[in-house]
Each structure stands twice: as C-alpha cells, then as structure tokens.
C-alpha cells in the first residue's frame, strides 16, 4: 500500500539523546526503538498531534511538510 501522507517526521540524530519520550507519548505507536534511537515505523498512523515534537526536551523532532503549507 502506498502512503498518502504528504508530510514527514524528521529526527535530528545529533540533538536526540535517545530518551524515548517521543516513543512513550505517541498515542498511535508511530515510533519504535532501534538500538535506543527512535525511528518512524508507522507514518500512516500519524495524525500530526505533534506530542512527540512538543514533549522532546532537545527539540530533536519536527513534524511537518506540505500539509502545513
């Protein structure tokens, strides 16, 4: 199935301290952990609630893209 999402979730690897807050607060289980690093595994489930972005203490996550324009 092809994703209809026109936005993306960017994770800044240099800023991310791998605390897992984004994973814990995501109500739709969009993220998973790979060797402690959060990765987007289910973008289709994302509703752009931006809890991951808002809760990230290091501002390492940005949810955005064409739907915001």
PDB file of N, CA and C in Angstrom:
ATOM      1  N   UNK A   1       0.845  -1.181   0.000  1.00  0.00           N
ATOM      2  CA  UNK A   1       0.000   0.000   0.000  1.00  0.00           C
ATOM      3  C   UNK A   1       0.890   1.244   0.000  1.00  0.00           C
ATOM      4  N   UNK A   2       0.577   2.222  -0.836  1.00  0.00           N
ATOM      5  CA  UNK A   2       1.341   3.452  -0.935  1.00  0.00           C
ATOM      6  C   UNK A   2       0.795   4.460   0.064  1.00  0.00           C
ATOM      7  N   UNK A   3       1.706   5.118   0.796  1.00  0.00           N
ATOM      8  CA  UNK A   3       1.303   6.110   1.780  1.00  0.00           C
ATOM      9  C   UNK A   3       0.759   7.351   1.092  1.00  0.00           C
ATOM     10  N   UNK A   4      -0.339   7.883   1.612  1.00  0.00           N
ATOM     11  CA  UNK A   4      -0.933   9.101   1.091  1.00  0.00           C
ATOM     12  C   UNK A   4      -0.429  10.314   1.871  1.00  0.00           C
ATOM     13  N   UNK A   5       0.397  10.119   2.857  1.00  0.00           N
ATOM     14  CA  UNK A   5       0.889  11.204   3.698  1.00  0.00           C
ATOM     15  C   UNK A   5       1.809  12.098   2.879  1.00  0.00           C
ATOM     16  N   UNK A   6       1.618  13.397   3.019  1.00  0.00           N
ATOM     17  CA  UNK A   6       2.465  14.355   2.320  1.00  0.00           C
ATOM     18  C   UNK A   6       3.327  15.135   3.308  1.00  0.00           C
ATOM     19  N   UNK A   7       3.493  14.599   4.480  1.00  0.00           N
ATOM     20  CA  UNK A   7       4.356  15.215   5.475  1.00  0.00           C
ATOM     21  C   UNK A   7       5.351  14.182   5.951  1.00  0.00           C
ATOM     22  N   UNK A   8       6.289  14.639   6.767  1.00  0.00           N
ATOM     23  CA  UNK A   8       7.280  13.709   7.291  1.00  0.00           C
ATOM     24  C   UNK A   8       7.611  14.071   8.722  1.00  0.00           C
ATOM     25  N   UNK A   9       8.281  13.161   9.372  1.00  0.00           N
ATOM     26  CA  UNK A   9       8.762  13.374  10.737  1.00  0.00           C
ATOM     27  C   UNK A   9      10.278  13.306  10.674  1.00  0.00           C
ATOM     28  N   UNK A  10      10.911  14.422  10.974  1.00  0.00           N
ATOM     29  CA  UNK A  10      12.370  14.482  10.968  1.00  0.00           C
ATOM     30  C   UNK A  10      12.895  14.332  12.386  1.00  0.00           C
ATOM     31  N   UNK A  11      13.876  13.462  12.555  1.00  0.00           N
ATOM     32  CA  UNK A  11      14.547  13.279  13.838  1.00  0.00           C
ATOM     33  C   UNK A  11      16.002  13.687  13.659  1.00  0.00           C
ATOM     34  N   UNK A  12      16.429  14.702  14.380  1.00  0.00           N
ATOM     35  CA  UNK A  12      17.799  15.190  14.307  1.00  0.00           C
ATOM     36  C   UNK A  12      18.676  14.276  15.166  1.00  0.00           C
ATOM     37  N   UNK A  13      19.486  13.464  14.499  1.00  0.00           N
ATOM     38  CA  UNK A  13      20.327  12.487  15.202  1.00  0.00           C
ATOM     39  C   UNK A  13      21.330  13.136  16.146  1.00  0.00           C
ATOM     40  N   UNK A  14      21.809  14.319  15.786  1.00  0.00           N
ATOM     41  CA  UNK A  14      22.792  14.993  16.635  1.00  0.00           C
ATOM     42  C   UNK A  14      22.167  15.548  17.906  1.00  0.00           C
ATOM     43  N   UNK A  15      20.910  15.980  17.836  1.00  0.00           N
ATOM     44  CA  UNK A  15      20.243  16.553  19.004  1.00  0.00           C
ATOM     45  C   UNK A  15      19.576  15.489  19.881  1.00  0.00           C
ATOM     46  N   UNK A  16      19.172  14.378  19.279  1.00  0.00           N
ATOM     47  CA  UNK A  16      18.455  13.330  20.014  1.00  0.00           C
ATOM     48  C   UNK A  16      19.363  12.644  21.019  1.00  0.00           C
ATOM     49  N   UNK A  17      18.901  12.603  22.282  1.00  0.00           N
ATOM     50  CA  UNK A  17      19.687  11.913  23.309  1.00  0.00           C
ATOM     51  C   UNK A  17      19.109  10.529  23.638  1.00  0.00           C
ATOM     52  N   UNK A  18      18.158  10.087  22.799  1.00  0.00           N
ATOM     53  CA  UNK A  18      17.587   8.736  22.902  1.00  0.00           C
ATOM     54  C   UNK A  18      16.898   8.471  24.249  1.00  0.00           C
ATOM     55  N   UNK A  19      16.128   9.456  24.697  1.00  0.00           N
ATOM     56  CA  UNK A  19      15.440   9.342  25.985  1.00  0.00           C
ATOM     57  C   UNK A  19      14.173   8.493  25.895  1.00  0.00           C
ATOM     58  N   UNK A  20      13.576   8.382  24.687  1.00  0.00           N
ATOM     59  CA  UNK A  20      12.388   7.563  24.495  1.00  0.00           C
ATOM     60  C   UNK A  20      11.073   8.264  24.798  1.00  0.00           C
ATOM     61  N   UNK A  21      11.117   9.551  25.111  1.00  0.00           N
ATOM     62  CA  UNK A  21       9.888  10.281  25.428  1.00  0.00           C
ATOM     63  C   UNK A  21       8.946  10.306  24.223  1.00  0.00           C
ATOM     64  N   UNK A  22       9.494  10.491  23.030  1.00  0.00           N
ATOM     65  CA  UNK A  22       8.657  10.518  21.826  1.00  0.00           C
ATOM     66  C   UNK A  22       7.919   9.191  21.652  1.00  0.00           C
ATOM     67  N   UNK A  23       8.605   8.118  21.906  1.00  0.00           N
ATOM     68  CA  UNK A  23       8.003   6.788  21.780  1.00  0.00           C
ATOM     69  C   UNK A  23       6.907   6.597  22.816  1.00  0.00           C
ATOM     70  N   UNK A  24       7.175   7.030  24.038  1.00  0.00           N
ATOM     71  CA  UNK A  24       6.216   6.857  25.137  1.00  0.00           C
ATOM     72  C   UNK A  24       4.956   7.700  24.959  1.00  0.00           C
ATOM     73  N   UNK A  25       5.081   8.905  24.429  1.00  0.00           N
ATOM     74  CA  UNK A  25       3.938   9.806  24.332  1.00  0.00           C
ATOM     75  C   UNK A  25       3.134   9.658  23.052  1.00  0.00           C
ATOM     76  N   UNK A  26       3.642   8.958  22.069  1.00  0.00           N
ATOM     77  CA  UNK A  26       2.914   8.815  20.802  1.00  0.00           C
ATOM     78  C   UNK A  26       1.688   7.921  21.010  1.00  0.00           C
ATOM     79  N   UNK A  27       0.484   8.486  20.829  1.00  0.00           N
ATOM     80  CA  UNK A  27      -0.725   7.684  21.059  1.00  0.00           C
ATOM     81  C   UNK A  27      -1.008   6.677  19.952  1.00  0.00           C
ATOM     82  N   UNK A  28      -0.337   6.812  18.809  1.00  0.00           N
ATOM     83  CA  UNK A  28      -0.610   5.944  17.664  1.00  0.00           C
ATOM     84  C   UNK A  28       0.516   4.965  17.361  1.00  0.00           C
ATOM     85  N   UNK A  29       1.529   4.904  18.224  1.00  0.00           N
ATOM     86  CA  UNK A  29       2.648   3.961  18.062  1.00  0.00           C
ATOM     87  C   UNK A  29       3.354   4.130  16.716  1.00  0.00           C
ATOM     88  N   UNK A  30       3.642   5.382  16.376  1.00  0.00           N
ATOM     89  CA  UNK A  30       4.318   5.702  15.119  1.00  0.00           C
ATOM     90  C   UNK A  30       5.799   5.357  15.195  1.00  0.00           C
ATOM     91  N   UNK A  31       6.367   5.405  16.400  1.00  0.00           N
ATOM     92  CA  UNK A  31       7.803   5.203  16.590  1.00  0.00           C
ATOM     93  C   UNK A  31       8.117   3.832  17.162  1.00  0.00           C
ATOM     94  N   UNK A  32       9.340   3.414  16.894  1.00  0.00           N
ATOM     95  CA  UNK A  32       9.914   2.233  17.532  1.00  0.00           C
ATOM     96  C   UNK A  32      11.342   2.607  17.896  1.00  0.00           C
ATOM     97  N   UNK A  33      11.990   1.733  18.620  1.00  0.00           N
ATOM     98  CA  UNK A  33      13.372   1.991  19.025  1.00  0.00           C
ATOM     99  C   UNK A  33      14.300   1.012  18.328  1.00  0.00           C
ATOM    100  N   UNK A  34      15.348   1.553  17.706  1.00  0.00           N
ATOM    101  CA  UNK A  34      16.391   0.731  17.089  1.00  0.00           C
ATOM    102  C   UNK A  34      17.707   1.076  17.753  1.00  0.00           C
ATOM    103  N   UNK A  35      18.198   0.176  18.566  1.00  0.00           N
ATOM    104  CA  UNK A  35      19.427   0.426  19.327  1.00  0.00           C
ATOM    105  C   UNK A  35      19.325   1.698  20.153  1.00  0.00           C
ATOM    106  N   UNK A  36      18.141   1.946  20.715  1.00  0.00           N
ATOM    107  CA  UNK A  36      17.912   3.107  21.556  1.00  0.00           C
ATOM    108  C   UNK A  36      17.500   4.354  20.813  1.00  0.00           C
ATOM    109  N   UNK A  37      17.592   4.343  19.504  1.00  0.00           N
ATOM    110  CA  UNK A  37      17.253   5.511  18.690  1.00  0.00           C
ATOM    111  C   UNK A  37      15.804   5.402  18.211  1.00  0.00           C
ATOM    112  N   UNK A  38      15.031   6.482  18.340  1.00  0.00           N
ATOM    113  CA  UNK A  38      13.665   6.425  17.819  1.00  0.00           C
ATOM    114  C   UNK A  38      13.661   6.449  16.297  1.00  0.00           C
ATOM    115  N   UNK A  39      12.828   5.620  15.713  1.00  0.00           N
ATOM    116  CA  UNK A  39      12.663   5.581  14.258  1.00  0.00           C
ATOM    117  C   UNK A  39      11.170   5.555  13.942  1.00  0.00           C
ATOM    118  N   UNK A  40      10.810   6.171  12.839  1.00  0.00           N
ATOM    119  CA  UNK A  40       9.421   6.179  12.387  1.00  0.00           C
ATOM    120  C   UNK A  40       9.148   4.848  11.692  1.00  0.00           C
ATOM    121  N   UNK A  41       8.197   4.094  12.231  1.00  0.00           N
ATOM    122  CA  UNK A  41       7.874   2.787  11.657  1.00  0.00           C
ATOM    123  C   UNK A  41       6.446   2.710  11.130  1.00  0.00           C
ATOM    124  N   UNK A  42       5.620   3.704  11.465  1.00  0.00           N
ATOM    125  CA  UNK A  42       4.220   3.645  11.055  1.00  0.00           C
ATOM    126  C   UNK A  42       3.694   5.050  10.757  1.00  0.00           C
ATOM    127  N   UNK A  43       4.246   5.704   9.742  1.00  0.00           N
ATOM    128  CA  UNK A  43       3.849   7.072   9.406  1.00  0.00           C
ATOM    129  C   UNK A  43       2.367   7.163   9.057  1.00  0.00           C
ATOM    130  N   UNK A  44       1.811   6.123   8.464  1.00  0.00           N
ATOM    131  CA  UNK A  44       0.390   6.136   8.098  1.00  0.00           C
ATOM    132  C   UNK A  44      -0.525   6.309   9.306  1.00  0.00           C
ATOM    133  N   UNK A  45      -0.078   5.905  10.474  1.00  0.00           N
ATOM    134  CA  UNK A  45      -0.888   6.040  11.682  1.00  0.00           C
ATOM    135  C   UNK A  45      -0.813   7.435  12.290  1.00  0.00           C
ATOM    136  N   UNK A  46       0.160   8.224  11.867  1.00  0.00           N
ATOM    137  CA  UNK A  46       0.384   9.550  12.454  1.00  0.00           C
ATOM    138  C   UNK A  46      -0.773  10.492  12.137  1.00  0.00           C
ATOM    139  N   UNK A  47      -1.266  11.182  13.158  1.00  0.00           N
ATOM    140  CA  UNK A  47      -2.345  12.158  12.996  1.00  0.00           C
ATOM    141  C   UNK A  47      -1.839  13.586  13.144  1.00  0.00           C
ATOM    142  N   UNK A  48      -0.533  13.759  13.224  1.00  0.00           N
ATOM    143  CA  UNK A  48       0.104  15.066  13.388  1.00  0.00           C
ATOM    144  C   UNK A  48      -0.336  15.766  14.677  1.00  0.00           C
ATOM    145  N   UNK A  49      -0.521  15.001  15.723  1.00  0.00           N
ATOM    146  CA  UNK A  49      -0.861  15.612  17.016  1.00  0.00           C
ATOM    147  C   UNK A  49       0.334  16.365  17.585  1.00  0.00           C
ATOM    148  N   UNK A  50       1.525  16.020  17.121  1.00  0.00           N
ATOM    149  CA  UNK A  50       2.792  16.659  17.485  1.00  0.00           C
ATOM    150  C   UNK A  50       3.174  16.499  18.955  1.00  0.00           C
ATOM    151  N   UNK A  51       2.609  15.487  19.622  1.00  0.00           N
ATOM    152  CA  UNK A  51       3.029  15.231  21.005  1.00  0.00           C
ATOM    153  C   UNK A  51       4.507  14.886  21.071  1.00  0.00           C
ATOM    154  N   UNK A  52       5.000  14.176  20.068  1.00  0.00           N
ATOM    155  CA  UNK A  52       6.423  13.827  20.043  1.00  0.00           C
ATOM    156  C   UNK A  52       7.272  15.093  19.966  1.00  0.00           C
ATOM    157  N   UNK A  53       6.871  16.005  19.104  1.00  0.00           N
ATOM    158  CA  UNK A  53       7.605  17.262  18.925  1.00  0.00           C
ATOM    159  C   UNK A  53       7.515  18.140  20.177  1.00  0.00           C
ATOM    160  N   UNK A  54       6.334  18.221  20.751  1.00  0.00           N
ATOM    161  CA  UNK A  54       6.128  19.070  21.923  1.00  0.00           C
ATOM    162  C   UNK A  54       6.830  18.548  23.167  1.00  0.00           C
ATOM    163  N   UNK A  55       6.915  17.240  23.316  1.00  0.00           N
ATOM    164  CA  UNK A  55       7.500  16.641  24.521  1.00  0.00           C
ATOM    165  C   UNK A  55       9.009  16.434  24.442  1.00  0.00           C
ATOM    166  N   UNK A  56       9.576  16.519  23.254  1.00  0.00           N
ATOM    167  CA  UNK A  56      11.009  16.281  23.100  1.00  0.00           C
ATOM    168  C   UNK A  56      11.798  17.372  23.826  1.00  0.00           C
ATOM    169  N   UNK A  57      12.577  17.004  24.845  1.00  0.00           N
ATOM    170  CA  UNK A  57      13.315  18.003  25.614  1.00  0.00           C
ATOM    171  C   UNK A  57      14.479  18.624  24.843  1.00  0.00           C
ATOM    172  N   UNK A  58      14.867  18.021  23.744  1.00  0.00           N
ATOM    173  CA  UNK A  58      16.012  18.512  22.968  1.00  0.00           C
ATOM    174  C   UNK A  58      15.616  19.093  21.619  1.00  0.00           C
ATOM    175  N   UNK A  59      14.306  19.257  21.380  1.00  0.00           N
ATOM    176  CA  UNK A  59      13.809  19.809  20.114  1.00  0.00           C
ATOM    177  C   UNK A  59      14.392  19.056  18.916  1.00  0.00           C
ATOM    178  N   UNK A  60      14.476  17.751  19.046  1.00  0.00           N
ATOM    179  CA  UNK A  60      15.101  16.922  18.015  1.00  0.00           C
ATOM    180  C   UNK A  60      14.096  16.395  16.995  1.00  0.00           C
ATOM    181  N   UNK A  61      12.803  16.639  17.210  1.00  0.00           N
ATOM    182  CA  UNK A  61      11.771  16.119  16.299  1.00  0.00           C
ATOM    183  C   UNK A  61      10.988  17.276  15.708  1.00  0.00           C
ATOM    184  N   UNK A  62      10.776  17.184  14.378  1.00  0.00           N
ATOM    185  CA  UNK A  62       9.941  18.156  13.687  1.00  0.00           C
ATOM    186  C   UNK A  62       8.928  17.380  12.849  1.00  0.00           C
ATOM    187  N   UNK A  63       7.666  17.672  13.086  1.00  0.00           N
ATOM    188  CA  UNK A  63       6.588  17.082  12.301  1.00  0.00           C
ATOM    189  C   UNK A  63       6.116  18.168  11.346  1.00  0.00           C
ATOM    190  N   UNK A  64       6.223  17.908  10.054  1.00  0.00           N
ATOM    191  CA  UNK A  64       5.808  18.943   9.108  1.00  0.00           C
ATOM    192  C   UNK A  64       5.851  18.478   7.686  1.00  0.00           C
ATOM    193  N   UNK A  65       5.582  19.426   6.807  1.00  0.00           N
ATOM    194  CA  UNK A  65       5.589  19.111   5.394  1.00  0.00           C
ATOM    195  C   UNK A  65       4.518  19.854   4.653  1.00  0.00           C
ATOM    196  N   UNK A  66       4.142  19.341   3.524  1.00  0.00           N
ATOM    197  CA  UNK A  66       3.235  20.031   2.612  1.00  0.00           C
ATOM    198  C   UNK A  66       1.857  20.328   3.214  1.00  0.00           C
ATOM    199  N   UNK A  67       1.368  19.495   4.104  1.00  0.00           N
ATOM    200  CA  UNK A  67       0.046  19.748   4.684  1.00  0.00           C
ATOM    201  C   UNK A  67       0.047  20.995   5.560  1.00  0.00           C
ATOM    202  N   UNK A  68       1.227  21.456   6.006  1.00  0.00           N
ATOM    203  CA  UNK A  68       1.320  22.643   6.827  1.00  0.00           C
ATOM    204  C   UNK A  68       1.345  23.920   5.994  1.00  0.00           C
ATOM    205  N   UNK A  69       1.565  23.805   4.713  1.00  0.00           N
ATOM    206  CA  UNK A  69       1.697  24.993   3.850  1.00  0.00           C
ATOM    207  C   UNK A  69       0.353  25.606   3.538  1.00  0.00           C
TER     208      UNK A  69
END
